[in-house]
Amino acid sequence: MILERIKDFIDTKGISVSAFERSIGMSNASFGKSLKNGGAIGTDKLENILNTYPEINPNWLITGNGSMLKSDEQPLPELKKTNSRHKGLPLIPMEAIAGFPAIDNDGVSFDDCQHYSIPEFEAKGANFLIRVSGDSMMPLYCNGDIIACRKIAEIHFFQWGGVYVLDTSQGVLVKYIEECGKNDDCILCVSENSRYKPFPLPKSDIRSLSTIVGLLRLV
């Protein structure tokens, strides 16, 4: 639970709950009440926390994975451009995912992309890199982040609650995927940022589907 992880950070930091609340713009005692009642915390407050306490590992805060502090994390792999166009992971335009990789059709080809050597992501089966656009998945994925993706050749099932990269007629989406009620012909696309409401997406409109296996946040 995010609130419990926040409390763990407060204890580690050695500050009072009231001081923490003031630092992120929460009203007095509101955090304690939310923690006691099993409530939630808004996206705006999460962004305030990460801005006020940049030492917090955002992946740990949101998902519980990894270490609490960035200093305890393994360093991110260095983004190195390769000398060969056919080695490493291609950084492709988001609008080109459906047609990638193309050799002799109108999709983007390997030769059209810059390639980068990131062995950690390649070992996880990544096929390509793309840049995140927009703030709908903040603070989990921020505008300008580079995500490593593994393309799914055939869609047999969805892991509900997982984050996918979907190419659709409306553009490329990075979303949590949930069941869409009793409508088996659609999936429900959910954003991390609560300002964006969930919406149904017809399965027939999914032209390409990829999972995310790595993240680079360039600062």
C-alpha atoms as a PDB file:
ATOM      1  CA  MET A   1       0.000   0.000   0.000  1.00  0.00           C
ATOM      2  CA  ILE A   2       1.399   3.382  -1.020  1.00  0.00           C
ATOM      3  CA  LEU A   3       0.435   5.088   2.245  1.00  0.00           C
ATOM      4  CA  GLU A   4       2.273   2.451   4.266  1.00  0.00           C
ATOM      5  CA  ARG A   5       5.388   2.912   2.131  1.00  0.00           C
ATOM      6  CA  ILE A   6       5.162   6.655   2.681  1.00  0.00           C
ATOM      7  CA  LYS A   7       5.011   6.011   6.433  1.00  0.00           C
ATOM      8  CA  ASP A   8       8.096   3.787   6.144  1.00  0.00           C
ATOM      9  CA  PHE A   9       9.914   6.647   4.401  1.00  0.00           C
ATOM     10  CA  ILE A  10       8.822   9.147   7.074  1.00  0.00           C
ATOM     11  CA  ASP A  11      10.176   6.829   9.784  1.00  0.00           C
ATOM     12  CA  THR A  12      13.434   6.352   7.888  1.00  0.00           C
ATOM     13  CA  LYS A  13      13.744  10.091   7.335  1.00  0.00           C
ATOM     14  CA  GLY A  14      13.252  10.698  11.063  1.00  0.00           C
ATOM     15  CA  ILE A  15      10.701  13.486  10.648  1.00  0.00           C
ATOM     16  CA  SER A  16       7.275  13.924  12.177  1.00  0.00           C
ATOM     17  CA  VAL A  17       4.112  13.151  10.227  1.00  0.00           C
ATOM     18  CA  SER A  18       2.940  16.739  10.665  1.00  0.00           C
ATOM     19  CA  ALA A  19       6.205  18.083   9.245  1.00  0.00           C
ATOM     20  CA  PHE A  20       5.879  15.719   6.291  1.00  0.00           C
ATOM     21  CA  GLU A  21       2.290  16.836   5.684  1.00  0.00           C
ATOM     22  CA  ARG A  22       3.316  20.487   5.656  1.00  0.00           C
ATOM     23  CA  SER A  23       6.202  19.802   3.278  1.00  0.00           C
ATOM     24  CA  ILE A  24       3.907  18.338   0.578  1.00  0.00           C
ATOM     25  CA  GLY A  25       0.920  20.630   1.124  1.00  0.00           C
ATOM     26  CA  MET A  26      -1.389  18.207   2.950  1.00  0.00           C
ATOM     27  CA  SER A  27      -3.774  19.515   5.587  1.00  0.00           C
ATOM     28  CA  ASN A  28      -2.874  18.777   9.201  1.00  0.00           C
ATOM     29  CA  ALA A  29      -3.458  15.140  10.245  1.00  0.00           C
ATOM     30  CA  SER A  30      -4.950  14.184   6.857  1.00  0.00           C
ATOM     31  CA  PHE A  31      -2.186  11.667   6.133  1.00  0.00           C
ATOM     32  CA  GLY A  32      -2.647   9.948   9.474  1.00  0.00           C
ATOM     33  CA  LYS A  33      -6.398   9.710   8.937  1.00  0.00           C
ATOM     34  CA  SER A  34      -5.964   8.265   5.454  1.00  0.00           C
ATOM     35  CA  LEU A  35      -3.480   5.709   6.748  1.00  0.00           C
ATOM     36  CA  LYS A  36      -5.785   4.663   9.589  1.00  0.00           C
ATOM     37  CA  ASN A  37      -8.859   4.424   7.356  1.00  0.00           C
ATOM     38  CA  GLY A  38      -7.134   2.686   4.457  1.00  0.00           C
ATOM     39  CA  GLY A  39      -7.672   5.673   2.173  1.00  0.00           C
ATOM     40  CA  ALA A  40      -5.792   6.767  -0.934  1.00  0.00           C
ATOM     41  CA  ILE A  41      -3.510   9.643  -1.836  1.00  0.00           C
ATOM     42  CA  GLY A  42      -3.959  11.830  -4.899  1.00  0.00           C
ATOM     43  CA  THR A  43      -1.622  11.953  -7.867  1.00  0.00           C
ATOM     44  CA  ASP A  44      -0.878  15.613  -7.166  1.00  0.00           C
ATOM     45  CA  LYS A  45       0.382  14.724  -3.685  1.00  0.00           C
ATOM     46  CA  LEU A  46       2.507  11.887  -5.090  1.00  0.00           C
ATOM     47  CA  GLU A  47       4.112  14.349  -7.485  1.00  0.00           C
ATOM     48  CA  ASN A  48       4.705  16.749  -4.574  1.00  0.00           C
ATOM     49  CA  ILE A  49       6.347  13.959  -2.582  1.00  0.00           C
ATOM     50  CA  LEU A  50       8.698  13.032  -5.426  1.00  0.00           C
ATOM     51  CA  ASN A  51       9.543  16.692  -6.053  1.00  0.00           C
ATOM     52  CA  THR A  52      10.094  17.463  -2.360  1.00  0.00           C
ATOM     53  CA  TYR A  53      12.010  14.264  -1.620  1.00  0.00           C
ATOM     54  CA  PRO A  54      13.899  13.433  -4.844  1.00  0.00           C
ATOM     55  CA  GLU A  55      15.849  10.712  -3.050  1.00  0.00           C
ATOM     56  CA  ILE A  56      12.749   8.476  -3.090  1.00  0.00           C
ATOM     57  CA  ASN A  57      12.738   5.765  -5.731  1.00  0.00           C
ATOM     58  CA  PRO A  58       9.433   6.393  -7.617  1.00  0.00           C
ATOM     59  CA  ASN A  59       9.156   2.756  -8.692  1.00  0.00           C
ATOM     60  CA  TRP A  60       9.298   1.665  -5.028  1.00  0.00           C
ATOM     61  CA  LEU A  61       6.776   4.310  -3.999  1.00  0.00           C
ATOM     62  CA  ILE A  62       4.206   3.356  -6.641  1.00  0.00           C
ATOM     63  CA  THR A  63       4.676  -0.413  -6.970  1.00  0.00           C
ATOM     64  CA  GLY A  64       6.663  -1.509  -3.910  1.00  0.00           C
ATOM     65  CA  ASN A  65       9.397  -2.948  -6.144  1.00  0.00           C
ATOM     66  CA  GLY A  66      13.058  -2.096  -5.683  1.00  0.00           C
ATOM     67  CA  SER A  67      14.710  -0.068  -2.939  1.00  0.00           C
ATOM     68  CA  MET A  68      13.205   2.849  -1.054  1.00  0.00           C
ATOM     69  CA  LEU A  69      15.998   5.251  -1.973  1.00  0.00           C
ATOM     70  CA  LYS A  70      17.537   5.926  -5.366  1.00  0.00           C
ATOM     71  CA  SER A  71      21.001   5.683  -3.822  1.00  0.00           C
ATOM     72  CA  ASP A  72      20.326   2.039  -2.991  1.00  0.00           C
ATOM     73  CA  GLU A  73      19.344   1.162  -6.547  1.00  0.00           C
ATOM     74  CA  GLN A  74      21.685  -0.277  -9.141  1.00  0.00           C
ATOM     75  CA  PRO A  75      22.691   2.463 -11.608  1.00  0.00           C
ATOM     76  CA  LEU A  76      20.608   2.690 -14.756  1.00  0.00           C
ATOM     77  CA  PRO A  77      22.240   1.271 -17.857  1.00  0.00           C
ATOM     78  CA  GLU A  78      24.023   3.906 -19.898  1.00  0.00           C
ATOM     79  CA  LEU A  79      22.380   4.810 -23.157  1.00  0.00           C
ATOM     80  CA  LYS A  80      25.139   4.274 -25.712  1.00  0.00           C
ATOM     81  CA  LYS A  81      24.627   4.728 -29.423  1.00  0.00           C
ATOM     82  CA  THR A  82      26.084   1.821 -31.374  1.00  0.00           C
ATOM     83  CA  ASN A  83      28.249   2.120 -34.458  1.00  0.00           C
ATOM     84  CA  SER A  84      26.144  -0.415 -36.331  1.00  0.00           C
ATOM     85  CA  ARG A  85      22.577   0.232 -37.421  1.00  0.00           C
ATOM     86  CA  HIS A  86      21.741  -3.405 -36.846  1.00  0.00           C
ATOM     87  CA  LYS A  87      23.102  -3.896 -33.326  1.00  0.00           C
ATOM     88  CA  GLY A  88      21.478  -2.844 -30.074  1.00  0.00           C
ATOM     89  CA  LEU A  89      17.911  -1.648 -29.547  1.00  0.00           C
ATOM     90  CA  PRO A  90      16.295   0.720 -32.077  1.00  0.00           C
ATOM     91  CA  LEU A  91      14.680   3.902 -30.737  1.00  0.00           C
ATOM     92  CA  ILE A  92      11.562   4.129 -32.893  1.00  0.00           C
ATOM     93  CA  PRO A  93       8.818   6.750 -33.280  1.00  0.00           C
ATOM     94  CA  MET A  94       5.686   5.900 -31.301  1.00  0.00           C
ATOM     95  CA  GLU A  95       3.539   6.155 -34.420  1.00  0.00           C
ATOM     96  CA  ALA A  96       5.634   3.443 -36.117  1.00  0.00           C
ATOM     97  CA  ILE A  97       5.139   0.594 -33.621  1.00  0.00           C
ATOM     98  CA  ALA A  98       2.505  -1.287 -35.640  1.00  0.00           C
ATOM     99  CA  GLY A  99       4.698  -1.548 -38.729  1.00  0.00           C
ATOM    100  CA  PHE A 100       7.949  -2.321 -36.960  1.00  0.00           C
ATOM    101  CA  PRO A 101      10.222  -3.862 -38.000  1.00  0.00           C
ATOM    102  CA  ALA A 102       9.653  -3.390 -41.720  1.00  0.00           C
ATOM    103  CA  ILE A 103      12.014  -4.385 -44.509  1.00  0.00           C
ATOM    104  CA  ASP A 104      10.246  -3.677 -47.779  1.00  0.00           C
ATOM    105  CA  ASN A 105       6.881  -2.154 -46.858  1.00  0.00           C
ATOM    106  CA  ASP A 106       5.775   1.288 -45.728  1.00  0.00           C
ATOM    107  CA  GLY A 107       6.627   0.766 -42.052  1.00  0.00           C
ATOM    108  CA  VAL A 108       9.737   2.047 -40.313  1.00  0.00           C
ATOM    109  CA  SER A 109      12.843  -0.068 -40.887  1.00  0.00           C
ATOM    110  CA  PHE A 110      15.950  -0.753 -38.815  1.00  0.00           C
ATOM    111  CA  ASP A 111      17.886   1.610 -41.070  1.00  0.00           C
ATOM    112  CA  ASP A 112      15.533   4.465 -40.129  1.00  0.00           C
ATOM    113  CA  CYS A 113      16.348   4.237 -36.411  1.00  0.00           C
ATOM    114  CA  GLN A 114      19.199   5.071 -34.091  1.00  0.00           C
ATOM    115  CA  HIS A 115      20.356   1.979 -32.164  1.00  0.00           C
ATOM    116  CA  TYR A 116      21.509   1.895 -28.549  1.00  0.00           C
ATOM    117  CA  SER A 117      23.388  -0.776 -26.622  1.00  0.00           C
ATOM    118  CA  ILE A 118      21.618  -1.636 -23.347  1.00  0.00           C
ATOM    119  CA  PRO A 119      22.548  -5.239 -22.470  1.00  0.00           C
ATOM    120  CA  GLU A 120      20.304  -5.316 -19.365  1.00  0.00           C
ATOM    121  CA  PHE A 121      17.207  -4.666 -21.469  1.00  0.00           C
ATOM    122  CA  GLU A 122      18.259  -6.895 -24.329  1.00  0.00           C
ATOM    123  CA  ALA A 123      18.670  -9.749 -21.820  1.00  0.00           C
ATOM    124  CA  LYS A 124      15.013  -9.252 -20.856  1.00  0.00           C
ATOM    125  CA  GLY A 125      13.900  -9.720 -24.450  1.00  0.00           C
ATOM    126  CA  ALA A 126      13.390  -6.080 -25.395  1.00  0.00           C
ATOM    127  CA  ASN A 127      12.919  -5.465 -29.119  1.00  0.00           C
ATOM    128  CA  PHE A 128      12.832  -1.675 -29.262  1.00  0.00           C
ATOM    129  CA  LEU A 129      12.796   1.609 -27.335  1.00  0.00           C
ATOM    130  CA  ILE A 130      10.234   4.425 -27.445  1.00  0.00           C
ATOM    131  CA  ARG A 131       9.822   7.760 -25.672  1.00  0.00           C
ATOM    132  CA  VAL A 132       6.795   8.313 -23.440  1.00  0.00           C
ATOM    133  CA  SER A 133       4.668  11.294 -24.450  1.00  0.00           C
ATOM    134  CA  GLY A 134       2.257  13.112 -22.128  1.00  0.00           C
ATOM    135  CA  ASP A 135       1.467  12.894 -18.413  1.00  0.00           C
ATOM    136  CA  SER A 136      -1.342  10.327 -18.270  1.00  0.00           C
ATOM    137  CA  MET A 137       0.922   7.725 -16.622  1.00  0.00           C
ATOM    138  CA  MET A 138       2.732  10.082 -14.224  1.00  0.00           C
ATOM    139  CA  PRO A 139       4.430   9.589 -11.884  1.00  0.00           C
ATOM    140  CA  LEU A 140       5.026   5.967 -12.950  1.00  0.00           C
ATOM    141  CA  TYR A 141       6.118   7.011 -16.448  1.00  0.00           C
ATOM    142  CA  CYS A 142       6.912  10.652 -17.190  1.00  0.00           C
ATOM    143  CA  ASN A 143       6.965  12.647 -20.405  1.00  0.00           C
ATOM    144  CA  GLY A 144      10.311  11.998 -22.101  1.00  0.00           C
ATOM    145  CA  ASP A 145      11.048   8.704 -20.335  1.00  0.00           C
ATOM    146  CA  ILE A 146      12.471   5.992 -22.576  1.00  0.00           C
ATOM    147  CA  ILE A 147      10.837   2.586 -22.146  1.00  0.00           C
ATOM    148  CA  ALA A 148      12.148  -0.718 -23.430  1.00  0.00           C
ATOM    149  CA  CYS A 149       9.426  -2.841 -25.015  1.00  0.00           C
ATOM    150  CA  ARG A 150       8.999  -6.470 -26.015  1.00  0.00           C
ATOM    151  CA  LYS A 151       6.561  -6.872 -28.892  1.00  0.00           C
ATOM    152  CA  ILE A 152       3.923  -9.604 -28.560  1.00  0.00           C
ATOM    153  CA  ALA A 153       3.623 -11.459 -31.849  1.00  0.00           C
ATOM    154  CA  GLU A 154       0.194 -12.988 -31.166  1.00  0.00           C
ATOM    155  CA  ILE A 155      -2.319 -11.752 -28.599  1.00  0.00           C
ATOM    156  CA  HIS A 156      -3.763 -14.741 -26.767  1.00  0.00           C
ATOM    157  CA  PHE A 157      -4.610 -13.145 -23.411  1.00  0.00           C
ATOM    158  CA  PHE A 158      -4.105 -10.038 -21.266  1.00  0.00           C
ATOM    159  CA  GLN A 159      -2.584  -9.921 -17.815  1.00  0.00           C
ATOM    160  CA  TRP A 160      -5.189  -7.798 -16.048  1.00  0.00           C
ATOM    161  CA  GLY A 161      -3.624  -4.949 -14.113  1.00  0.00           C
ATOM    162  CA  GLY A 162      -0.484  -5.012 -16.249  1.00  0.00           C
ATOM    163  CA  VAL A 163       0.918  -2.057 -18.198  1.00  0.00           C
ATOM    164  CA  TYR A 164       0.983  -2.439 -21.971  1.00  0.00           C
ATOM    165  CA  VAL A 165       1.967  -0.366 -24.981  1.00  0.00           C
ATOM    166  CA  LEU A 166      -0.918  -0.483 -27.449  1.00  0.00           C
ATOM    167  CA  ASP A 167      -0.986   0.819 -30.988  1.00  0.00           C
ATOM    168  CA  THR A 168      -4.539   1.820 -31.982  1.00  0.00           C
ATOM    169  CA  SER A 169      -6.346   3.868 -34.606  1.00  0.00           C
ATOM    170  CA  GLN A 170      -6.236   6.790 -32.142  1.00  0.00           C
ATOM    171  CA  GLY A 171      -2.475   6.521 -31.621  1.00  0.00           C
ATOM    172  CA  VAL A 172      -0.079   4.757 -29.254  1.00  0.00           C
ATOM    173  CA  LEU A 173      -1.219   4.273 -25.652  1.00  0.00           C
ATOM    174  CA  VAL A 174       0.703   3.313 -22.521  1.00  0.00           C
ATOM    175  CA  LYS A 175      -1.952   2.081 -20.085  1.00  0.00           C
ATOM    176  CA  TYR A 176      -2.929  -0.338 -17.366  1.00  0.00           C
ATOM    177  CA  ILE A 177      -5.298  -2.942 -18.833  1.00  0.00           C
ATOM    178  CA  GLU A 178      -8.342  -4.207 -16.941  1.00  0.00           C
ATOM    179  CA  GLU A 179     -11.446  -6.236 -17.777  1.00  0.00           C
ATOM    180  CA  CYS A 180     -14.233  -4.190 -19.327  1.00  0.00           C
ATOM    181  CA  GLY A 181     -17.174  -5.440 -17.297  1.00  0.00           C
ATOM    182  CA  LYS A 182     -19.190  -8.026 -19.180  1.00  0.00           C
ATOM    183  CA  ASN A 183     -18.068  -6.785 -22.589  1.00  0.00           C
ATOM    184  CA  ASP A 184     -15.575  -9.397 -23.783  1.00  0.00           C
ATOM    185  CA  ASP A 185     -15.007  -7.471 -27.011  1.00  0.00           C
ATOM    186  CA  CYS A 186     -13.331  -4.566 -25.196  1.00  0.00           C
ATOM    187  CA  ILE A 187     -10.633  -3.924 -22.626  1.00  0.00           C
ATOM    188  CA  LEU A 188     -10.548  -1.064 -20.126  1.00  0.00           C
ATOM    189  CA  CYS A 189      -7.596   1.345 -20.429  1.00  0.00           C
ATOM    190  CA  VAL A 190      -6.624   2.929 -17.109  1.00  0.00           C
ATOM    191  CA  SER A 191      -4.149   5.776 -16.492  1.00  0.00           C
ATOM    192  CA  GLU A 192      -1.882   6.265 -13.481  1.00  0.00           C
ATOM    193  CA  ASN A 193      -2.813   9.960 -13.395  1.00  0.00           C
ATOM    194  CA  SER A 194      -6.312  10.202 -11.880  1.00  0.00           C
ATOM    195  CA  ARG A 195      -7.109  13.246 -14.050  1.00  0.00           C
ATOM    196  CA  TYR A 196      -7.537  10.832 -16.951  1.00  0.00           C
ATOM    197  CA  LYS A 197     -10.665   8.689 -16.769  1.00  0.00           C
ATOM    198  CA  PRO A 198     -10.641   4.985 -17.744  1.00  0.00           C
ATOM    199  CA  PHE A 199     -12.101   4.217 -21.154  1.00  0.00           C
ATOM    200  CA  PRO A 200     -13.057   1.083 -23.115  1.00  0.00           C
ATOM    201  CA  LEU A 201     -11.046   0.056 -26.147  1.00  0.00           C
ATOM    202  CA  PRO A 202     -12.301  -2.529 -28.679  1.00  0.00           C
ATOM    203  CA  LYS A 203      -9.912  -5.449 -28.943  1.00  0.00           C
ATOM    204  CA  SER A 204     -10.309  -5.256 -32.709  1.00  0.00           C
ATOM    205  CA  ASP A 205      -8.690  -1.797 -32.637  1.00  0.00           C
ATOM    206  CA  ILE A 206      -5.421  -3.105 -31.169  1.00  0.00           C
ATOM    207  CA  ARG A 207      -3.009  -3.180 -34.087  1.00  0.00           C
ATOM    208  CA  SER A 208       0.095  -3.938 -32.026  1.00  0.00           C
ATOM    209  CA  LEU A 209       0.737  -4.901 -28.403  1.00  0.00           C
ATOM    210  CA  SER A 210       3.952  -4.768 -26.365  1.00  0.00           C
ATOM    211  CA  THR A 211       4.992  -5.249 -22.760  1.00  0.00           C
ATOM    212  CA  ILE A 212       7.413  -2.968 -20.923  1.00  0.00           C
ATOM    213  CA  VAL A 213      10.618  -4.561 -19.657  1.00  0.00           C
ATOM    214  CA  GLY A 214      12.728  -1.531 -18.732  1.00  0.00           C
ATOM    215  CA  LEU A 215      12.787   2.202 -18.087  1.00  0.00           C
ATOM    216  CA  LEU A 216      15.338   4.965 -18.574  1.00  0.00           C
ATOM    217  CA  ARG A 217      14.676   8.327 -16.952  1.00  0.00           C
ATOM    218  CA  LEU A 218      17.192  10.845 -18.205  1.00  0.00           C
ATOM    219  CA  VAL A 219      17.821  13.689 -15.764  1.00  0.00           C
END
